[in-house]
Amino acid sequence: MIPRTTLEQWAVLNAVVKHGSFSLAADALHKSQSAVSYTIKTLQAQLPVEVLVIKGRKAELTKAGEVLLRRSQQLLDQANSLENIAKNLAQDWEAQITLAVDAIFPMDILYQAVEKFEPISDGCRITIVETTLSATEEALLNGQADLVIATNMPPGYLGNIIHQVNFIALTSKDHPLQQITRPLTDQDLKQHRQIVVKDGGIKRTQDVGWLNSEQRWTVSNFTSSVAMLERGLGFAWVPQSFVQASLDAGTLVPLNLTAGKIRKINCQLVIPDIDTAGPATRKLAQIIEELCR
């Protein structure tokens, strides 16, 4: 069915209700008062219920009018959004951005970035893919992402260092390694279980960090790693952002190592193809960089 009413009629009704009279609505819409009156009269004739009544010099909504006005506002907002999307598409504004981000990058920063991007997104959808180790490189090499936050840069790509992540060697406060009063060596670590995070890559896998422990358990993410650490099941190097609350609470304690207490990893922001990147991708990248600074 083709609607009998038009968006213009509902926009005029909104203006009349907002300003309280036909004359004030006419001034706001840059129309004549007779044009506004005719539009409202036509709208009323096309509806089976009355939406507006005149009391003295003031136009007031009926009960049915209140319901219809609320729904019409949604239609007007959607129509304005459609026009903005069309405008952005005409400027090559992308309909969707895929962002591949290494799991060690603090997600709070990313959430702030998309929150700042949202008011200007105008329909641009964002897909965030969390990756680990070589999976981030694969997303970059295979063209699976418009924007990448990576820790290892494949040959032929350039990125800007935007954040440094501190990996801290940790155990629970009651772990046997915490009972040794002297600085710990790699020989001490070899006698205990190391918790490592699985590489998310498909074509190849990487092992990163000290891996000489006789025992090793592998998990798929840092959340699981922290849960195992808190249960005293081993030791691990974990990004500080994942364990800050546990450090503050004292449930996890850094290891007193002779070397390697903290590993520093740089996160780089990469636009895989800078020449073809659209304005939305560039804008989101700019927001992320500004927040990291």
C-alpha atoms as a PDB file:
ATOM      1  CA  MET A   1       0.000   0.000   0.000  1.00  0.00           C
ATOM      2  CA  ILE A   2       1.069   3.549  -0.743  1.00  0.00           C
ATOM      3  CA  PRO A   3       0.520   5.728   2.378  1.00  0.00           C
ATOM      4  CA  ARG A   4      -2.200   8.352   2.037  1.00  0.00           C
ATOM      5  CA  THR A   5      -0.336  10.749   4.305  1.00  0.00           C
ATOM      6  CA  THR A   6       3.066  12.308   3.613  1.00  0.00           C
ATOM      7  CA  LEU A   7       6.148  13.034   5.689  1.00  0.00           C
ATOM      8  CA  GLU A   8       5.652  16.730   4.984  1.00  0.00           C
ATOM      9  CA  GLN A   9       2.186  16.627   6.579  1.00  0.00           C
ATOM     10  CA  TRP A  10       3.571  14.996   9.713  1.00  0.00           C
ATOM     11  CA  ALA A  11       6.446  17.489   9.818  1.00  0.00           C
ATOM     12  CA  VAL A  12       3.955  20.361   9.652  1.00  0.00           C
ATOM     13  CA  LEU A  13       1.883  18.795  12.436  1.00  0.00           C
ATOM     14  CA  ASN A  14       5.025  18.476  14.570  1.00  0.00           C
ATOM     15  CA  ALA A  15       5.796  22.153  13.986  1.00  0.00           C
ATOM     16  CA  VAL A  16       2.248  23.258  14.876  1.00  0.00           C
ATOM     17  CA  VAL A  17       2.316  21.298  18.131  1.00  0.00           C
ATOM     18  CA  LYS A  18       5.843  22.403  18.978  1.00  0.00           C
ATOM     19  CA  HIS A  19       5.169  26.115  18.414  1.00  0.00           C
ATOM     20  CA  GLY A  20       1.553  26.082  19.612  1.00  0.00           C
ATOM     21  CA  SER A  21      -0.094  27.878  16.678  1.00  0.00           C
ATOM     22  CA  PHE A  22      -0.404  27.858  12.908  1.00  0.00           C
ATOM     23  CA  SER A  23       1.185  31.286  12.544  1.00  0.00           C
ATOM     24  CA  LEU A  24       4.288  30.452  14.603  1.00  0.00           C
ATOM     25  CA  ALA A  25       4.655  27.104  12.812  1.00  0.00           C
ATOM     26  CA  ALA A  26       4.406  28.926   9.477  1.00  0.00           C
ATOM     27  CA  ASP A  27       7.229  31.269  10.501  1.00  0.00           C
ATOM     28  CA  ALA A  28       9.417  28.353  11.599  1.00  0.00           C
ATOM     29  CA  LEU A  29       8.765  26.413   8.383  1.00  0.00           C
ATOM     30  CA  HIS A  30       9.064  29.490   6.143  1.00  0.00           C
ATOM     31  CA  LYS A  31       5.569  28.852   4.790  1.00  0.00           C
ATOM     32  CA  SER A  32       2.427  30.931   4.644  1.00  0.00           C
ATOM     33  CA  GLN A  33      -0.160  30.411   7.378  1.00  0.00           C
ATOM     34  CA  SER A  34      -2.709  29.352   4.768  1.00  0.00           C
ATOM     35  CA  ALA A  35      -0.309  26.654   3.472  1.00  0.00           C
ATOM     36  CA  VAL A  36       0.116  25.280   7.001  1.00  0.00           C
ATOM     37  CA  SER A  37      -3.651  25.315   7.597  1.00  0.00           C
ATOM     38  CA  TYR A  38      -4.301  23.523   4.314  1.00  0.00           C
ATOM     39  CA  THR A  39      -1.685  20.863   5.078  1.00  0.00           C
ATOM     40  CA  ILE A  40      -3.213  20.109   8.496  1.00  0.00           C
ATOM     41  CA  LYS A  41      -6.732  20.092   7.030  1.00  0.00           C
ATOM     42  CA  THR A  42      -5.638  17.605   4.344  1.00  0.00           C
ATOM     43  CA  LEU A  43      -3.917  15.399   6.946  1.00  0.00           C
ATOM     44  CA  GLN A  44      -7.060  15.350   9.097  1.00  0.00           C
ATOM     45  CA  ALA A  45      -9.184  14.398   6.069  1.00  0.00           C
ATOM     46  CA  GLN A  46      -6.893  11.455   5.258  1.00  0.00           C
ATOM     47  CA  LEU A  47      -7.048   9.977   8.768  1.00  0.00           C
ATOM     48  CA  PRO A  48      -9.975   8.164  10.409  1.00  0.00           C
ATOM     49  CA  VAL A  49      -9.371   9.981  13.721  1.00  0.00           C
ATOM     50  CA  GLU A  50      -9.013  13.607  14.683  1.00  0.00           C
ATOM     51  CA  VAL A  51      -5.460  14.560  15.661  1.00  0.00           C
ATOM     52  CA  LEU A  52      -5.685  18.275  16.374  1.00  0.00           C
ATOM     53  CA  VAL A  53      -8.260  20.597  17.910  1.00  0.00           C
ATOM     54  CA  ILE A  54      -8.239  24.372  18.195  1.00  0.00           C
ATOM     55  CA  LYS A  55      -8.935  25.799  21.645  1.00  0.00           C
ATOM     56  CA  GLY A  56      -9.019  29.561  21.465  1.00  0.00           C
ATOM     57  CA  ARG A  57      -5.849  30.512  19.626  1.00  0.00           C
ATOM     58  CA  LYS A  58      -3.936  27.395  20.638  1.00  0.00           C
ATOM     59  CA  ALA A  59      -3.728  24.105  18.708  1.00  0.00           C
ATOM     60  CA  GLU A  60      -3.840  21.018  20.944  1.00  0.00           C
ATOM     61  CA  LEU A  61      -3.454  17.323  20.251  1.00  0.00           C
ATOM     62  CA  THR A  62      -6.200  14.821  20.870  1.00  0.00           C
ATOM     63  CA  LYS A  63      -5.409  11.547  22.652  1.00  0.00           C
ATOM     64  CA  ALA A  64      -5.161   9.815  19.287  1.00  0.00           C
ATOM     65  CA  GLY A  65      -3.047  12.703  18.015  1.00  0.00           C
ATOM     66  CA  GLU A  66      -0.547  12.222  20.842  1.00  0.00           C
ATOM     67  CA  VAL A  67      -0.018   8.574  19.856  1.00  0.00           C
ATOM     68  CA  LEU A  68       0.268   9.361  16.155  1.00  0.00           C
ATOM     69  CA  LEU A  69       2.614  12.289  16.748  1.00  0.00           C
ATOM     70  CA  ARG A  70       5.047  10.082  18.681  1.00  0.00           C
ATOM     71  CA  ARG A  71       5.068   7.537  15.867  1.00  0.00           C
ATOM     72  CA  SER A  72       5.404  10.238  13.220  1.00  0.00           C
ATOM     73  CA  GLN A  73       8.491  11.597  14.968  1.00  0.00           C
ATOM     74  CA  GLN A  74      10.141   8.209  14.529  1.00  0.00           C
ATOM     75  CA  LEU A  75       9.294   8.306  10.821  1.00  0.00           C
ATOM     76  CA  LEU A  76      10.742  11.804  10.463  1.00  0.00           C
ATOM     77  CA  ASP A  77      13.929  10.804  12.283  1.00  0.00           C
ATOM     78  CA  GLN A  78      14.308   7.764  10.016  1.00  0.00           C
ATOM     79  CA  ALA A  79      13.713   9.869   6.915  1.00  0.00           C
ATOM     80  CA  ASN A  80      16.359  12.383   8.018  1.00  0.00           C
ATOM     81  CA  SER A  81      18.730   9.498   8.720  1.00  0.00           C
ATOM     82  CA  LEU A  82      18.119   8.096   5.228  1.00  0.00           C
ATOM     83  CA  GLU A  83      18.923  11.455   3.673  1.00  0.00           C
ATOM     84  CA  ASN A  84      22.128  11.719   5.718  1.00  0.00           C
ATOM     85  CA  ILE A  85      23.144   8.213   4.647  1.00  0.00           C
ATOM     86  CA  ALA A  86      22.510   9.127   1.016  1.00  0.00           C
ATOM     87  CA  LYS A  87      24.619  12.259   1.473  1.00  0.00           C
ATOM     88  CA  ASN A  88      27.466  10.250   2.977  1.00  0.00           C
ATOM     89  CA  LEU A  89      27.239   7.586   0.274  1.00  0.00           C
ATOM     90  CA  ALA A  90      27.543  10.327  -2.315  1.00  0.00           C
ATOM     91  CA  GLN A  91      30.775  11.326  -0.544  1.00  0.00           C
ATOM     92  CA  ASP A  92      31.945   7.666  -0.567  1.00  0.00           C
ATOM     93  CA  TRP A  93      31.121   7.328   3.162  1.00  0.00           C
ATOM     94  CA  GLU A  94      31.304   3.597   3.835  1.00  0.00           C
ATOM     95  CA  ALA A  95      28.252   1.561   4.783  1.00  0.00           C
ATOM     96  CA  GLN A  96      30.368  -0.719   7.021  1.00  0.00           C
ATOM     97  CA  ILE A  97      33.764  -0.798   8.736  1.00  0.00           C
ATOM     98  CA  THR A  98      35.429  -4.002   9.932  1.00  0.00           C
ATOM     99  CA  LEU A  99      37.986  -3.464  12.679  1.00  0.00           C
ATOM    100  CA  ALA A 100      40.357  -6.299  13.637  1.00  0.00           C
ATOM    101  CA  VAL A 101      41.928  -5.636  17.030  1.00  0.00           C
ATOM    102  CA  ASP A 102      44.490  -7.701  18.912  1.00  0.00           C
ATOM    103  CA  ALA A 103      43.015  -8.957  22.178  1.00  0.00           C
ATOM    104  CA  ILE A 104      45.761  -7.296  24.232  1.00  0.00           C
ATOM    105  CA  PHE A 105      44.549  -3.803  23.248  1.00  0.00           C
ATOM    106  CA  PRO A 106      42.460  -2.210  26.057  1.00  0.00           C
ATOM    107  CA  MET A 107      38.848  -2.513  24.953  1.00  0.00           C
ATOM    108  CA  ASP A 108      37.827   0.481  27.075  1.00  0.00           C
ATOM    109  CA  ILE A 109      39.695   2.727  24.642  1.00  0.00           C
ATOM    110  CA  LEU A 110      37.939   1.072  21.707  1.00  0.00           C
ATOM    111  CA  TYR A 111      34.520   1.465  23.337  1.00  0.00           C
ATOM    112  CA  GLN A 112      35.213   5.167  23.880  1.00  0.00           C
ATOM    113  CA  ALA A 113      36.216   5.479  20.230  1.00  0.00           C
ATOM    114  CA  VAL A 114      33.044   3.937  18.820  1.00  0.00           C
ATOM    115  CA  GLU A 115      31.012   6.002  21.289  1.00  0.00           C
ATOM    116  CA  LYS A 116      32.572   9.177  19.886  1.00  0.00           C
ATOM    117  CA  PHE A 117      32.104   7.904  16.322  1.00  0.00           C
ATOM    118  CA  GLU A 118      28.427   6.995  16.784  1.00  0.00           C
ATOM    119  CA  PRO A 119      26.911  10.514  16.524  1.00  0.00           C
ATOM    120  CA  ILE A 120      28.566  11.052  13.127  1.00  0.00           C
ATOM    121  CA  SER A 121      28.275   7.469  11.862  1.00  0.00           C
ATOM    122  CA  ASP A 122      25.020   8.080   9.957  1.00  0.00           C
ATOM    123  CA  GLY A 123      24.222   4.437   9.368  1.00  0.00           C
ATOM    124  CA  CYS A 124      27.776   3.145   9.071  1.00  0.00           C
ATOM    125  CA  ARG A 125      27.906  -0.271  10.727  1.00  0.00           C
ATOM    126  CA  ILE A 126      30.954  -1.357  12.715  1.00  0.00           C
ATOM    127  CA  THR A 127      32.103  -4.959  13.092  1.00  0.00           C
ATOM    128  CA  ILE A 128      34.782  -5.517  15.760  1.00  0.00           C
ATOM    129  CA  VAL A 129      36.763  -8.755  15.480  1.00  0.00           C
ATOM    130  CA  GLU A 130      38.996  -9.593  18.451  1.00  0.00           C
ATOM    131  CA  THR A 131      42.073 -11.542  17.368  1.00  0.00           C
ATOM    132  CA  THR A 132      45.172 -13.033  18.968  1.00  0.00           C
ATOM    133  CA  LEU A 133      48.749 -13.164  17.679  1.00  0.00           C
ATOM    134  CA  SER A 134      48.967 -14.297  14.032  1.00  0.00           C
ATOM    135  CA  ALA A 135      45.179 -14.016  13.516  1.00  0.00           C
ATOM    136  CA  THR A 136      45.611 -10.246  13.524  1.00  0.00           C
ATOM    137  CA  GLU A 137      48.268 -10.467  10.832  1.00  0.00           C
ATOM    138  CA  GLU A 138      46.054 -12.786   8.786  1.00  0.00           C
ATOM    139  CA  ALA A 139      43.190 -10.279   8.923  1.00  0.00           C
ATOM    140  CA  LEU A 140      45.627  -7.686   7.600  1.00  0.00           C
ATOM    141  CA  LEU A 141      47.192  -9.842   4.879  1.00  0.00           C
ATOM    142  CA  ASN A 142      43.889 -11.334   3.699  1.00  0.00           C
ATOM    143  CA  GLY A 143      42.097  -8.009   3.409  1.00  0.00           C
ATOM    144  CA  GLN A 144      39.536  -9.038   6.028  1.00  0.00           C
ATOM    145  CA  ALA A 145      39.545  -5.693   7.831  1.00  0.00           C
ATOM    146  CA  ASP A 146      39.373  -2.010   6.934  1.00  0.00           C
ATOM    147  CA  LEU A 147      41.244  -1.036  10.079  1.00  0.00           C
ATOM    148  CA  VAL A 148      43.647  -3.138  12.164  1.00  0.00           C
ATOM    149  CA  ILE A 149      45.232  -2.782  15.602  1.00  0.00           C
ATOM    150  CA  ALA A 150      48.152  -5.210  15.527  1.00  0.00           C
ATOM    151  CA  THR A 151      51.236  -6.068  17.569  1.00  0.00           C
ATOM    152  CA  ASN A 152      53.302  -7.620  14.748  1.00  0.00           C
ATOM    153  CA  MET A 153      53.618  -5.829  11.420  1.00  0.00           C
ATOM    154  CA  PRO A 154      53.950  -7.987   8.283  1.00  0.00           C
ATOM    155  CA  PRO A 155      56.386  -6.818   5.575  1.00  0.00           C
ATOM    156  CA  GLY A 156      54.912  -4.193   3.288  1.00  0.00           C
ATOM    157  CA  TYR A 157      52.657  -2.531   5.850  1.00  0.00           C
ATOM    158  CA  LEU A 158      53.111   0.646   7.868  1.00  0.00           C
ATOM    159  CA  GLY A 159      51.387   1.533  11.097  1.00  0.00           C
ATOM    160  CA  ASN A 160      51.468   4.106  13.877  1.00  0.00           C
ATOM    161  CA  ILE A 161      52.294   3.020  17.423  1.00  0.00           C
ATOM    162  CA  ILE A 162      49.288   4.151  19.454  1.00  0.00           C
ATOM    163  CA  HIS A 163      49.596   2.239  22.732  1.00  0.00           C
ATOM    164  CA  GLN A 164      52.049   0.209  24.777  1.00  0.00           C
ATOM    165  CA  VAL A 165      50.763  -2.796  26.717  1.00  0.00           C
ATOM    166  CA  ASN A 166      52.570  -4.058  29.803  1.00  0.00           C
ATOM    167  CA  PHE A 167      52.495  -7.842  30.282  1.00  0.00           C
ATOM    168  CA  ILE A 168      53.063  -8.681  33.958  1.00  0.00           C
ATOM    169  CA  ALA A 169      54.277 -12.062  35.258  1.00  0.00           C
ATOM    170  CA  LEU A 170      51.735 -13.127  37.892  1.00  0.00           C
ATOM    171  CA  THR A 171      50.445 -15.858  40.162  1.00  0.00           C
ATOM    172  CA  SER A 172      47.868 -16.059  42.918  1.00  0.00           C
ATOM    173  CA  LYS A 173      49.040 -14.777  46.294  1.00  0.00           C
ATOM    174  CA  ASP A 174      49.183 -18.347  47.660  1.00  0.00           C
ATOM    175  CA  HIS A 175      51.083 -19.899  44.756  1.00  0.00           C
ATOM    176  CA  PRO A 176      54.310 -21.769  45.726  1.00  0.00           C
ATOM    177  CA  LEU A 177      56.418 -19.354  43.651  1.00  0.00           C
ATOM    178  CA  GLN A 178      55.303 -16.547  45.984  1.00  0.00           C
ATOM    179  CA  GLN A 179      56.757 -18.419  48.942  1.00  0.00           C
ATOM    180  CA  ILE A 180      60.318 -18.136  47.569  1.00  0.00           C
ATOM    181  CA  THR A 181      61.860 -15.049  49.141  1.00  0.00           C
ATOM    182  CA  ARG A 182      64.790 -14.606  46.754  1.00  0.00           C
ATOM    183  CA  PRO A 183      64.459 -13.307  43.159  1.00  0.00           C
ATOM    184  CA  LEU A 184      63.167 -16.050  40.856  1.00  0.00           C
ATOM    185  CA  THR A 185      65.067 -17.493  37.919  1.00  0.00           C
ATOM    186  CA  ASP A 186      63.931 -19.431  34.856  1.00  0.00           C
ATOM    187  CA  GLN A 187      64.906 -22.619  36.686  1.00  0.00           C
ATOM    188  CA  ASP A 188      62.270 -21.830  39.305  1.00  0.00           C
ATOM    189  CA  LEU A 189      59.628 -21.255  36.642  1.00  0.00           C
ATOM    190  CA  LYS A 190      60.391 -24.562  34.927  1.00  0.00           C
ATOM    191  CA  GLN A 191      59.082 -26.443  37.937  1.00  0.00           C
ATOM    192  CA  HIS A 192      55.593 -24.921  37.647  1.00  0.00           C
ATOM    193  CA  ARG A 193      52.736 -24.736  35.171  1.00  0.00           C
ATOM    194  CA  GLN A 194      52.570 -21.874  32.687  1.00  0.00           C
ATOM    195  CA  ILE A 195      49.176 -20.672  31.418  1.00  0.00           C
ATOM    196  CA  VAL A 196      49.351 -19.480  27.796  1.00  0.00           C
ATOM    197  CA  VAL A 197      46.790 -18.025  25.396  1.00  0.00           C
ATOM    198  CA  LYS A 198      46.192 -19.938  22.167  1.00  0.00           C
ATOM    199  CA  ASP A 199      47.123 -18.318  18.877  1.00  0.00           C
ATOM    200  CA  GLY A 200      43.973 -17.495  16.930  1.00  0.00           C
ATOM    201  CA  GLY A 201      45.638 -17.841  13.522  1.00  0.00           C
ATOM    202  CA  ILE A 202      44.665 -20.522  11.000  1.00  0.00           C
ATOM    203  CA  LYS A 203      47.589 -20.715   8.574  1.00  0.00           C
ATOM    204  CA  ARG A 204      50.263 -20.576  11.218  1.00  0.00           C
ATOM    205  CA  THR A 205      50.515 -20.267  14.965  1.00  0.00           C
ATOM    206  CA  GLN A 206      52.893 -18.348  17.163  1.00  0.00           C
ATOM    207  CA  ASP A 207      54.145 -18.951  20.662  1.00  0.00           C
ATOM    208  CA  VAL A 208      55.108 -15.731  22.398  1.00  0.00           C
ATOM    209  CA  GLY A 209      56.763 -15.253  25.771  1.00  0.00           C
ATOM    210  CA  TRP A 210      58.759 -17.580  27.990  1.00  0.00           C
ATOM    211  CA  LEU A 211      57.632 -21.161  27.232  1.00  0.00           C
ATOM    212  CA  ASN A 212      60.228 -23.413  28.876  1.00  0.00           C
ATOM    213  CA  SER A 213      57.952 -24.726  31.598  1.00  0.00           C
ATOM    214  CA  GLU A 214      57.689 -28.508  31.871  1.00  0.00           C
ATOM    215  CA  GLN A 215      53.937 -28.105  32.242  1.00  0.00           C
ATOM    216  CA  ARG A 216      51.755 -25.874  30.090  1.00  0.00           C
ATOM    217  CA  TRP A 217      48.018 -25.317  29.860  1.00  0.00           C
ATOM    218  CA  THR A 218      46.545 -23.398  26.916  1.00  0.00           C
ATOM    219  CA  VAL A 219      43.391 -21.273  26.977  1.00  0.00           C
ATOM    220  CA  SER A 220      41.632 -19.289  24.258  1.00  0.00           C
ATOM    221  CA  ASN A 221      41.579 -15.856  25.918  1.00  0.00           C
ATOM    222  CA  PHE A 222      43.030 -13.748  28.724  1.00  0.00           C
ATOM    223  CA  THR A 223      39.825 -13.893  30.766  1.00  0.00           C
ATOM    224  CA  SER A 224      40.271 -17.658  31.141  1.00  0.00           C
ATOM    225  CA  SER A 225      43.961 -17.158  31.885  1.00  0.00           C
ATOM    226  CA  VAL A 226      43.161 -14.779  34.746  1.00  0.00           C
ATOM    227  CA  ALA A 227      40.537 -17.165  36.135  1.00  0.00           C
ATOM    228  CA  MET A 228      43.109 -19.983  36.255  1.00  0.00           C
ATOM    229  CA  LEU A 229      45.706 -17.732  37.863  1.00  0.00           C
ATOM    230  CA  GLU A 230      43.292 -16.726  40.616  1.00  0.00           C
ATOM    231  CA  ARG A 231      42.678 -20.410  41.345  1.00  0.00           C
ATOM    232  CA  GLY A 232      46.405 -20.976  41.815  1.00  0.00           C
ATOM    233  CA  LEU A 233      46.720 -23.238  38.776  1.00  0.00           C
ATOM    234  CA  GLY A 234      49.878 -21.670  37.357  1.00  0.00           C
ATOM    235  CA  PHE A 235      51.725 -18.523  36.356  1.00  0.00           C
ATOM    236  CA  ALA A 236      51.393 -16.328  33.268  1.00  0.00           C
ATOM    237  CA  TRP A 237      52.232 -13.025  31.667  1.00  0.00           C
ATOM    238  CA  VAL A 238      48.974 -11.091  31.301  1.00  0.00           C
ATOM    239  CA  PRO A 239      48.213  -7.549  30.035  1.00  0.00           C
ATOM    240  CA  GLN A 240      47.922  -5.184  32.974  1.00  0.00           C
ATOM    241  CA  SER A 241      44.496  -3.909  31.848  1.00  0.00           C
ATOM    242  CA  PHE A 242      43.079  -7.437  32.342  1.00  0.00           C
ATOM    243  CA  VAL A 243      44.367  -7.837  35.891  1.00  0.00           C
ATOM    244  CA  GLN A 244      44.412  -4.349  37.390  1.00  0.00           C
ATOM    245  CA  ALA A 245      41.376  -5.059  39.587  1.00  0.00           C
ATOM    246  CA  SER A 246      42.942  -8.322  40.795  1.00  0.00           C
ATOM    247  CA  LEU A 247      46.237  -6.537  41.499  1.00  0.00           C
ATOM    248  CA  ASP A 248      44.420  -3.847  43.484  1.00  0.00           C
ATOM    249  CA  ALA A 249      42.522  -6.506  45.436  1.00  0.00           C
ATOM    250  CA  GLY A 250      45.699  -8.501  46.097  1.00  0.00           C
ATOM    251  CA  THR A 251      44.309 -11.751  44.654  1.00  0.00           C
ATOM    252  CA  LEU A 252      47.061 -11.743  42.021  1.00  0.00           C
ATOM    253  CA  VAL A 253      50.653 -10.792  42.798  1.00  0.00           C
ATOM    254  CA  PRO A 254      53.571 -10.023  40.417  1.00  0.00           C
ATOM    255  CA  LEU A 255      56.433 -12.494  40.401  1.00  0.00           C
ATOM    256  CA  ASN A 256      59.779 -11.272  41.714  1.00  0.00           C
ATOM    257  CA  LEU A 257      61.827 -12.338  38.684  1.00  0.00           C
ATOM    258  CA  THR A 258      65.497 -11.598  38.165  1.00  0.00           C
ATOM    259  CA  ALA A 259      64.565 -10.539  34.608  1.00  0.00           C
ATOM    260  CA  GLY A 260      61.416 -10.326  32.529  1.00  0.00           C
ATOM    261  CA  LYS A 261      58.990  -9.109  35.202  1.00  0.00           C
ATOM    262  CA  ILE A 262      57.310  -6.927  32.600  1.00  0.00           C
ATOM    263  CA  ARG A 263      57.153  -7.385  28.831  1.00  0.00           C
ATOM    264  CA  LYS A 264      56.270  -4.293  26.823  1.00  0.00           C
ATOM    265  CA  ILE A 265      54.334  -4.785  23.580  1.00  0.00           C
ATOM    266  CA  ASN A 266      53.509  -1.991  21.127  1.00  0.00           C
ATOM    267  CA  CYS A 267      50.078  -1.820  19.486  1.00  0.00           C
ATOM    268  CA  GLN A 268      50.048  -0.278  16.012  1.00  0.00           C
ATOM    269  CA  LEU A 269      47.093   1.162  14.138  1.00  0.00           C
ATOM    270  CA  VAL A 270      47.104   0.171  10.472  1.00  0.00           C
ATOM    271  CA  ILE A 271      44.930   1.181   7.534  1.00  0.00           C
ATOM    272  CA  PRO A 272      45.709  -1.717   5.144  1.00  0.00           C
ATOM    273  CA  ASP A 273      45.080   0.275   1.950  1.00  0.00           C
ATOM    274  CA  ILE A 274      45.403   3.979   2.653  1.00  0.00           C
ATOM    275  CA  ASP A 275      44.616   4.937  -0.956  1.00  0.00           C
ATOM    276  CA  THR A 276      41.204   3.264  -1.006  1.00  0.00           C
ATOM    277  CA  ALA A 277      40.233   3.855   2.638  1.00  0.00           C
ATOM    278  CA  GLY A 278      36.995   5.803   2.870  1.00  0.00           C
ATOM    279  CA  PRO A 279      36.268   8.845   5.048  1.00  0.00           C
ATOM    280  CA  ALA A 280      34.486   6.810   7.746  1.00  0.00           C
ATOM    281  CA  THR A 281      37.500   4.513   8.184  1.00  0.00           C
ATOM    282  CA  ARG A 282      39.844   7.485   8.314  1.00  0.00           C
ATOM    283  CA  LYS A 283      37.641   9.267  10.843  1.00  0.00           C
ATOM    284  CA  LEU A 284      37.437   6.244  13.153  1.00  0.00           C
ATOM    285  CA  ALA A 285      41.211   5.812  12.932  1.00  0.00           C
ATOM    286  CA  GLN A 286      41.675   9.473  13.843  1.00  0.00           C
ATOM    287  CA  ILE A 287      39.405   9.135  16.877  1.00  0.00           C
ATOM    288  CA  ILE A 288      41.293   6.047  18.121  1.00  0.00           C
ATOM    289  CA  GLU A 289      44.656   7.804  17.747  1.00  0.00           C
ATOM    290  CA  GLU A 290      43.411  10.919  19.564  1.00  0.00           C
ATOM    291  CA  LEU A 291      42.107   8.857  22.490  1.00  0.00           C
ATOM    292  CA  CYS A 292      45.380   6.943  22.753  1.00  0.00           C
ATOM    293  CA  ARG A 293      47.349  10.198  22.814  1.00  0.00           C
END
